[in-house]
Amino acid sequence: MRIRKQGNATVLIVPAKFNMQSDVEYVAYKGHDDAITFVKKAPNIFKQAVVDHQEIDIGSEFSVDSQSGNEQI
């Protein structure tokens, strides 16, 4: 793979053998030894709920709990 400049951006060409779809957003993370990991960007469920006029409710999945004293509010 090779990096090149395109205008004000740095472009990394991904070989076709990786079968990455075009027009899909990825988040890039730079790790040790300059390793780069691309992760498909997950949809924002909160923004989508607003668009769909829905409420997000935790329901009964979480029990009512008291504070332990270590919370940072």
PDB file of N, CA and C in Angstrom:
ATOM      1  N   MET A   1       0.854  -1.169   0.000  1.00  0.00           N
ATOM      2  CA  MET A   1       0.000   0.000   0.000  1.00  0.00           C
ATOM      3  C   MET A   1       0.895   1.225   0.000  1.00  0.00           C
ATOM      4  N   ARG A   2       0.355   2.282  -0.536  1.00  0.00           N
ATOM      5  CA  ARG A   2       1.138   3.497  -0.681  1.00  0.00           C
ATOM      6  C   ARG A   2       0.291   4.695  -0.277  1.00  0.00           C
ATOM      7  N   ILE A   3       0.922   5.652   0.373  1.00  0.00           N
ATOM      8  CA  ILE A   3       0.254   6.887   0.783  1.00  0.00           C
ATOM      9  C   ILE A   3       0.625   7.978  -0.207  1.00  0.00           C
ATOM     10  N   ARG A   4      -0.370   8.798  -0.575  1.00  0.00           N
ATOM     11  CA  ARG A   4      -0.089   9.926  -1.472  1.00  0.00           C
ATOM     12  C   ARG A   4      -0.891  11.136  -1.024  1.00  0.00           C
ATOM     13  N   LYS A   5      -0.487  12.300  -1.467  1.00  0.00           N
ATOM     14  CA  LYS A   5      -1.182  13.551  -1.162  1.00  0.00           C
ATOM     15  C   LYS A   5      -2.192  13.830  -2.260  1.00  0.00           C
ATOM     16  N   GLN A   6      -3.386  14.266  -1.831  1.00  0.00           N
ATOM     17  CA  GLN A   6      -4.418  14.675  -2.783  1.00  0.00           C
ATOM     18  C   GLN A   6      -5.030  15.945  -2.219  1.00  0.00           C
ATOM     19  N   GLY A   7      -4.619  17.082  -2.753  1.00  0.00           N
ATOM     20  CA  GLY A   7      -5.059  18.364  -2.203  1.00  0.00           C
ATOM     21  C   GLY A   7      -4.521  18.531  -0.798  1.00  0.00           C
ATOM     22  N   ASN A   8      -5.412  18.793   0.159  1.00  0.00           N
ATOM     23  CA  ASN A   8      -5.002  18.942   1.553  1.00  0.00           C
ATOM     24  C   ASN A   8      -5.100  17.632   2.333  1.00  0.00           C
ATOM     25  N   ALA A   9      -5.424  16.542   1.659  1.00  0.00           N
ATOM     26  CA  ALA A   9      -5.618  15.258   2.333  1.00  0.00           C
ATOM     27  C   ALA A   9      -4.469  14.304   2.023  1.00  0.00           C
ATOM     28  N   THR A  10      -4.273  13.358   2.917  1.00  0.00           N
ATOM     29  CA  THR A  10      -3.362  12.252   2.696  1.00  0.00           C
ATOM     30  C   THR A  10      -4.218  11.034   2.414  1.00  0.00           C
ATOM     31  N   VAL A  11      -3.960  10.349   1.307  1.00  0.00           N
ATOM     32  CA  VAL A  11      -4.810   9.253   0.851  1.00  0.00           C
ATOM     33  C   VAL A  11      -4.044   7.940   0.953  1.00  0.00           C
ATOM     34  N   LEU A  12      -4.700   6.939   1.524  1.00  0.00           N
ATOM     35  CA  LEU A  12      -4.150   5.592   1.591  1.00  0.00           C
ATOM     36  C   LEU A  12      -5.007   4.712   0.688  1.00  0.00           C
ATOM     37  N   ILE A  13      -4.417   4.197  -0.363  1.00  0.00           N
ATOM     38  CA  ILE A  13      -5.140   3.358  -1.314  1.00  0.00           C
ATOM     39  C   ILE A  13      -5.265   1.955  -0.717  1.00  0.00           C
ATOM     40  N   VAL A  14      -6.500   1.460  -0.634  1.00  0.00           N
ATOM     41  CA  VAL A  14      -6.753   0.126  -0.082  1.00  0.00           C
ATOM     42  C   VAL A  14      -6.936  -0.846  -1.248  1.00  0.00           C
ATOM     43  N   PRO A  15      -6.151  -1.907  -1.290  1.00  0.00           N
ATOM     44  CA  PRO A  15      -6.274  -2.871  -2.391  1.00  0.00           C
ATOM     45  C   PRO A  15      -7.663  -3.510  -2.445  1.00  0.00           C
ATOM     46  N   ALA A  16      -8.096  -3.869  -3.648  1.00  0.00           N
ATOM     47  CA  ALA A  16      -9.423  -4.453  -3.858  1.00  0.00           C
ATOM     48  C   ALA A  16      -9.600  -5.773  -3.119  1.00  0.00           C
ATOM     49  N   LYS A  17      -8.515  -6.475  -2.831  1.00  0.00           N
ATOM     50  CA  LYS A  17      -8.624  -7.775  -2.162  1.00  0.00           C
ATOM     51  C   LYS A  17      -9.237  -7.670  -0.759  1.00  0.00           C
ATOM     52  N   PHE A  18      -9.297  -6.467  -0.196  1.00  0.00           N
ATOM     53  CA  PHE A  18      -9.909  -6.279   1.121  1.00  0.00           C
ATOM     54  C   PHE A  18     -11.429  -6.146   1.042  1.00  0.00           C
ATOM     55  N   ASN A  19     -11.968  -6.042  -0.164  1.00  0.00           N
ATOM     56  CA  ASN A  19     -13.421  -5.975  -0.387  1.00  0.00           C
ATOM     57  C   ASN A  19     -14.120  -4.913   0.466  1.00  0.00           C
ATOM     58  N   MET A  20     -13.541  -3.736   0.569  1.00  0.00           N
ATOM     59  CA  MET A  20     -14.168  -2.642   1.313  1.00  0.00           C
ATOM     60  C   MET A  20     -15.104  -1.899   0.366  1.00  0.00           C
ATOM     61  N   GLN A  21     -16.324  -1.639   0.837  1.00  0.00           N
ATOM     62  CA  GLN A  21     -17.309  -0.951   0.013  1.00  0.00           C
ATOM     63  C   GLN A  21     -16.992   0.536  -0.049  1.00  0.00           C
ATOM     64  N   SER A  22     -17.308   1.147  -1.184  1.00  0.00           N
ATOM     65  CA  SER A  22     -17.146   2.596  -1.288  1.00  0.00           C
ATOM     66  C   SER A  22     -18.346   3.263  -0.629  1.00  0.00           C
ATOM     67  N   ASP A  23     -18.215   4.518  -0.306  1.00  0.00           N
ATOM     68  CA  ASP A  23     -19.257   5.316   0.345  1.00  0.00           C
ATOM     69  C   ASP A  23     -19.664   4.766   1.709  1.00  0.00           C
ATOM     70  N   VAL A  24     -18.756   4.090   2.393  1.00  0.00           N
ATOM     71  CA  VAL A  24     -18.979   3.624   3.760  1.00  0.00           C
ATOM     72  C   VAL A  24     -17.971   4.357   4.637  1.00  0.00           C
ATOM     73  N   GLU A  25     -18.436   4.892   5.768  1.00  0.00           N
ATOM     74  CA  GLU A  25     -17.537   5.633   6.650  1.00  0.00           C
ATOM     75  C   GLU A  25     -16.819   4.685   7.597  1.00  0.00           C
ATOM     76  N   TYR A  26     -15.533   4.935   7.771  1.00  0.00           N
ATOM     77  CA  TYR A  26     -14.711   4.163   8.691  1.00  0.00           C
ATOM     78  C   TYR A  26     -14.055   5.118   9.674  1.00  0.00           C
ATOM     79  N   VAL A  27     -13.776   4.613  10.861  1.00  0.00           N
ATOM     80  CA  VAL A  27     -13.012   5.356  11.854  1.00  0.00           C
ATOM     81  C   VAL A  27     -11.628   4.714  11.875  1.00  0.00           C
ATOM     82  N   ALA A  28     -10.592   5.533  11.822  1.00  0.00           N
ATOM     83  CA  ALA A  28      -9.225   5.017  11.807  1.00  0.00           C
ATOM     84  C   ALA A  28      -8.574   5.232  13.167  1.00  0.00           C
ATOM     85  N   TYR A  29      -7.876   4.219  13.620  1.00  0.00           N
ATOM     86  CA  TYR A  29      -7.130   4.281  14.873  1.00  0.00           C
ATOM     87  C   TYR A  29      -5.674   3.978  14.575  1.00  0.00           C
ATOM     88  N   LYS A  30      -4.788   4.799  15.143  1.00  0.00           N
ATOM     89  CA  LYS A  30      -3.359   4.577  14.961  1.00  0.00           C
ATOM     90  C   LYS A  30      -2.824   3.935  16.233  1.00  0.00           C
ATOM     91  N   GLY A  31      -2.202   2.776  16.086  1.00  0.00           N
ATOM     92  CA  GLY A  31      -1.720   2.029  17.240  1.00  0.00           C
ATOM     93  C   GLY A  31      -0.207   2.000  17.311  1.00  0.00           C
ATOM     94  N   HIS A  32       0.278   0.991  18.017  1.00  0.00           N
ATOM     95  CA  HIS A  32       1.720   0.825  18.195  1.00  0.00           C
ATOM     96  C   HIS A  32       2.401   0.570  16.852  1.00  0.00           C
ATOM     97  N   ASP A  33       3.619   1.001  16.751  1.00  0.00           N
ATOM     98  CA  ASP A  33       4.423   0.815  15.535  1.00  0.00           C
ATOM     99  C   ASP A  33       3.735   1.370  14.296  1.00  0.00           C
ATOM    100  N   ASP A  34       2.951   2.445  14.463  1.00  0.00           N
ATOM    101  CA  ASP A  34       2.241   3.108  13.364  1.00  0.00           C
ATOM    102  C   ASP A  34       1.230   2.202  12.666  1.00  0.00           C
ATOM    103  N   ALA A  35       0.745   1.169  13.340  1.00  0.00           N
ATOM    104  CA  ALA A  35      -0.297   0.308  12.769  1.00  0.00           C
ATOM    105  C   ALA A  35      -1.594   1.106  12.688  1.00  0.00           C
ATOM    106  N   ILE A  36      -2.326   0.961  11.586  1.00  0.00           N
ATOM    107  CA  ILE A  36      -3.594   1.662  11.397  1.00  0.00           C
ATOM    108  C   ILE A  36      -4.700   0.620  11.315  1.00  0.00           C
ATOM    109  N   THR A  37      -5.750   0.822  12.122  1.00  0.00           N
ATOM    110  CA  THR A  37      -6.902  -0.074  12.124  1.00  0.00           C
ATOM    111  C   THR A  37      -8.117   0.713  11.681  1.00  0.00           C
ATOM    112  N   PHE A  38      -8.860   0.176  10.715  1.00  0.00           N
ATOM    113  CA  PHE A  38     -10.088   0.807  10.239  1.00  0.00           C
ATOM    114  C   PHE A  38     -11.279   0.017  10.768  1.00  0.00           C
ATOM    115  N   VAL A  39     -12.222   0.734  11.390  1.00  0.00           N
ATOM    116  CA  VAL A  39     -13.432   0.118  11.925  1.00  0.00           C
ATOM    117  C   VAL A  39     -14.620   0.828  11.295  1.00  0.00           C
ATOM    118  N   LYS A  40     -15.573   0.046  10.790  1.00  0.00           N
ATOM    119  CA  LYS A  40     -16.760   0.641  10.175  1.00  0.00           C
ATOM    120  C   LYS A  40     -17.479   1.487  11.218  1.00  0.00           C
ATOM    121  N   LYS A  41     -17.812   2.721  10.845  1.00  0.00           N
ATOM    122  CA  LYS A  41     -18.459   3.646  11.771  1.00  0.00           C
ATOM    123  C   LYS A  41     -19.882   3.174  12.060  1.00  0.00           C
ATOM    124  N   ALA A  42     -20.186   3.025  13.333  1.00  0.00           N
ATOM    125  CA  ALA A  42     -21.515   2.568  13.749  1.00  0.00           C
ATOM    126  C   ALA A  42     -22.501   3.731  13.685  1.00  0.00           C
ATOM    127  N   PRO A  43     -23.750   3.447  13.368  1.00  0.00           N
ATOM    128  CA  PRO A  43     -24.750   4.523  13.341  1.00  0.00           C
ATOM    129  C   PRO A  43     -24.982   5.074  14.746  1.00  0.00           C
ATOM    130  N   ASN A  44     -25.310   6.349  14.823  1.00  0.00           N
ATOM    131  CA  ASN A  44     -25.609   6.992  16.099  1.00  0.00           C
ATOM    132  C   ASN A  44     -27.074   6.726  16.428  1.00  0.00           C
ATOM    133  N   ILE A  45     -27.326   5.839  17.394  1.00  0.00           N
ATOM    134  CA  ILE A  45     -28.705   5.446  17.703  1.00  0.00           C
ATOM    135  C   ILE A  45     -29.513   6.599  18.276  1.00  0.00           C
ATOM    136  N   PHE A  46     -28.849   7.565  18.887  1.00  0.00           N
ATOM    137  CA  PHE A  46     -29.564   8.693  19.474  1.00  0.00           C
ATOM    138  C   PHE A  46     -30.059   9.648  18.385  1.00  0.00           C
ATOM    139  N   LYS A  47     -29.210   9.935  17.398  1.00  0.00           N
ATOM    140  CA  LYS A  47     -29.637  10.788  16.282  1.00  0.00           C
ATOM    141  C   LYS A  47     -30.734  10.112  15.469  1.00  0.00           C
ATOM    142  N   GLN A  48     -30.604   8.802  15.260  1.00  0.00           N
ATOM    143  CA  GLN A  48     -31.611   8.074  14.496  1.00  0.00           C
ATOM    144  C   GLN A  48     -32.946   8.059  15.229  1.00  0.00           C
ATOM    145  N   ALA A  49     -32.928   7.975  16.555  1.00  0.00           N
ATOM    146  CA  ALA A  49     -34.168   7.998  17.338  1.00  0.00           C
ATOM    147  C   ALA A  49     -34.885   9.328  17.166  1.00  0.00           C
ATOM    148  N   VAL A  50     -34.134  10.420  17.088  1.00  0.00           N
ATOM    149  CA  VAL A  50     -34.740  11.739  16.873  1.00  0.00           C
ATOM    150  C   VAL A  50     -35.384  11.788  15.491  1.00  0.00           C
ATOM    151  N   VAL A  51     -34.686  11.290  14.489  1.00  0.00           N
ATOM    152  CA  VAL A  51     -35.222  11.278  13.124  1.00  0.00           C
ATOM    153  C   VAL A  51     -36.496  10.437  13.053  1.00  0.00           C
ATOM    154  N   ASP A  52     -36.502   9.302  13.756  1.00  0.00           N
ATOM    155  CA  ASP A  52     -37.647   8.385  13.732  1.00  0.00           C
ATOM    156  C   ASP A  52     -38.726   8.746  14.755  1.00  0.00           C
ATOM    157  N   HIS A  53     -38.533   9.856  15.468  1.00  0.00           N
ATOM    158  CA  HIS A  53     -39.474  10.291  16.512  1.00  0.00           C
ATOM    159  C   HIS A  53     -39.713   9.185  17.536  1.00  0.00           C
ATOM    160  N   GLN A  54     -38.626   8.566  17.992  1.00  0.00           N
ATOM    161  CA  GLN A  54     -38.711   7.497  18.976  1.00  0.00           C
ATOM    162  C   GLN A  54     -37.996   7.898  20.254  1.00  0.00           C
ATOM    163  N   GLU A  55     -38.386   7.251  21.354  1.00  0.00           N
ATOM    164  CA  GLU A  55     -37.694   7.432  22.622  1.00  0.00           C
ATOM    165  C   GLU A  55     -36.806   6.226  22.862  1.00  0.00           C
ATOM    166  N   ILE A  56     -35.661   6.482  23.469  1.00  0.00           N
ATOM    167  CA  ILE A  56     -34.788   5.382  23.851  1.00  0.00           C
ATOM    168  C   ILE A  56     -35.006   5.151  25.339  1.00  0.00           C
ATOM    169  N   ASP A  57     -35.433   3.944  25.666  1.00  0.00           N
ATOM    170  CA  ASP A  57     -35.752   3.602  27.047  1.00  0.00           C
ATOM    171  C   ASP A  57     -34.959   2.358  27.422  1.00  0.00           C
ATOM    172  N   ILE A  58     -34.312   2.393  28.574  1.00  0.00           N
ATOM    173  CA  ILE A  58     -33.526   1.236  28.998  1.00  0.00           C
ATOM    174  C   ILE A  58     -34.410   0.084  29.438  1.00  0.00           C
ATOM    175  N   GLY A  59     -35.677   0.372  29.701  1.00  0.00           N
ATOM    176  CA  GLY A  59     -36.614  -0.679  30.088  1.00  0.00           C
ATOM    177  C   GLY A  59     -36.208  -1.344  31.383  1.00  0.00           C
ATOM    178  N   SER A  60     -36.426  -2.617  31.461  1.00  0.00           N
ATOM    179  CA  SER A  60     -36.126  -3.354  32.690  1.00  0.00           C
ATOM    180  C   SER A  60     -34.760  -4.030  32.638  1.00  0.00           C
ATOM    181  N   GLU A  61     -33.944  -3.673  31.665  1.00  0.00           N
ATOM    182  CA  GLU A  61     -32.640  -4.320  31.530  1.00  0.00           C
ATOM    183  C   GLU A  61     -31.667  -3.927  32.634  1.00  0.00           C
ATOM    184  N   PHE A  62     -31.868  -2.760  33.238  1.00  0.00           N
ATOM    185  CA  PHE A  62     -31.000  -2.304  34.311  1.00  0.00           C
ATOM    186  C   PHE A  62     -31.822  -2.179  35.581  1.00  0.00           C
ATOM    187  N   SER A  63     -31.290  -2.724  36.644  1.00  0.00           N
ATOM    188  CA  SER A  63     -32.006  -2.615  37.913  1.00  0.00           C
ATOM    189  C   SER A  63     -31.778  -1.227  38.501  1.00  0.00           C
ATOM    190  N   VAL A  64     -32.727  -0.801  39.329  1.00  0.00           N
ATOM    191  CA  VAL A  64     -32.575   0.478  40.022  1.00  0.00           C
ATOM    192  C   VAL A  64     -31.473   0.287  41.044  1.00  0.00           C
ATOM    193  N   ASP A  65     -30.492   1.147  41.001  1.00  0.00           N
ATOM    194  CA  ASP A  65     -29.313   0.985  41.843  1.00  0.00           C
ATOM    195  C   ASP A  65     -29.037   2.277  42.584  1.00  0.00           C
ATOM    196  N   SER A  66     -28.464   2.165  43.748  1.00  0.00           N
ATOM    197  CA  SER A  66     -28.096   3.370  44.494  1.00  0.00           C
ATOM    198  C   SER A  66     -26.652   3.727  44.166  1.00  0.00           C
ATOM    199  N   GLN A  67     -26.296   4.970  44.471  1.00  0.00           N
ATOM    200  CA  GLN A  67     -24.934   5.413  44.213  1.00  0.00           C
ATOM    201  C   GLN A  67     -23.979   4.736  45.180  1.00  0.00           C
ATOM    202  N   SER A  68     -22.780   4.460  44.718  1.00  0.00           N
ATOM    203  CA  SER A  68     -21.778   3.826  45.578  1.00  0.00           C
ATOM    204  C   SER A  68     -20.858   4.847  46.223  1.00  0.00           C
ATOM    205  N   GLY A  69     -20.941   6.095  45.770  1.00  0.00           N
ATOM    206  CA  GLY A  69     -20.084   7.136  46.331  1.00  0.00           C
ATOM    207  C   GLY A  69     -18.874   7.434  45.476  1.00  0.00           C
ATOM    208  N   ASN A  70     -18.645   6.658  44.430  1.00  0.00           N
ATOM    209  CA  ASN A  70     -17.491   6.870  43.555  1.00  0.00           C
ATOM    210  C   ASN A  70     -17.858   7.538  42.242  1.00  0.00           C
ATOM    211  N   GLU A  71     -19.131   7.881  42.080  1.00  0.00           N
ATOM    212  CA  GLU A  71     -19.572   8.474  40.828  1.00  0.00           C
ATOM    213  C   GLU A  71     -19.056   9.900  40.689  1.00  0.00           C
ATOM    214  N   GLN A  72     -18.725  10.267  39.483  1.00  0.00           N
ATOM    215  CA  GLN A  72     -18.356  11.651  39.194  1.00  0.00           C
ATOM    216  C   GLN A  72     -19.514  12.270  38.444  1.00  0.00           C
ATOM    217  N   ILE A  73     -20.201  13.163  39.106  1.00  0.00           N
ATOM    218  CA  ILE A  73     -21.397  13.771  38.523  1.00  0.00           C
ATOM    219  C   ILE A  73     -21.067  15.156  38.016  1.00  0.00           C
TER     220      ILE A  73
END
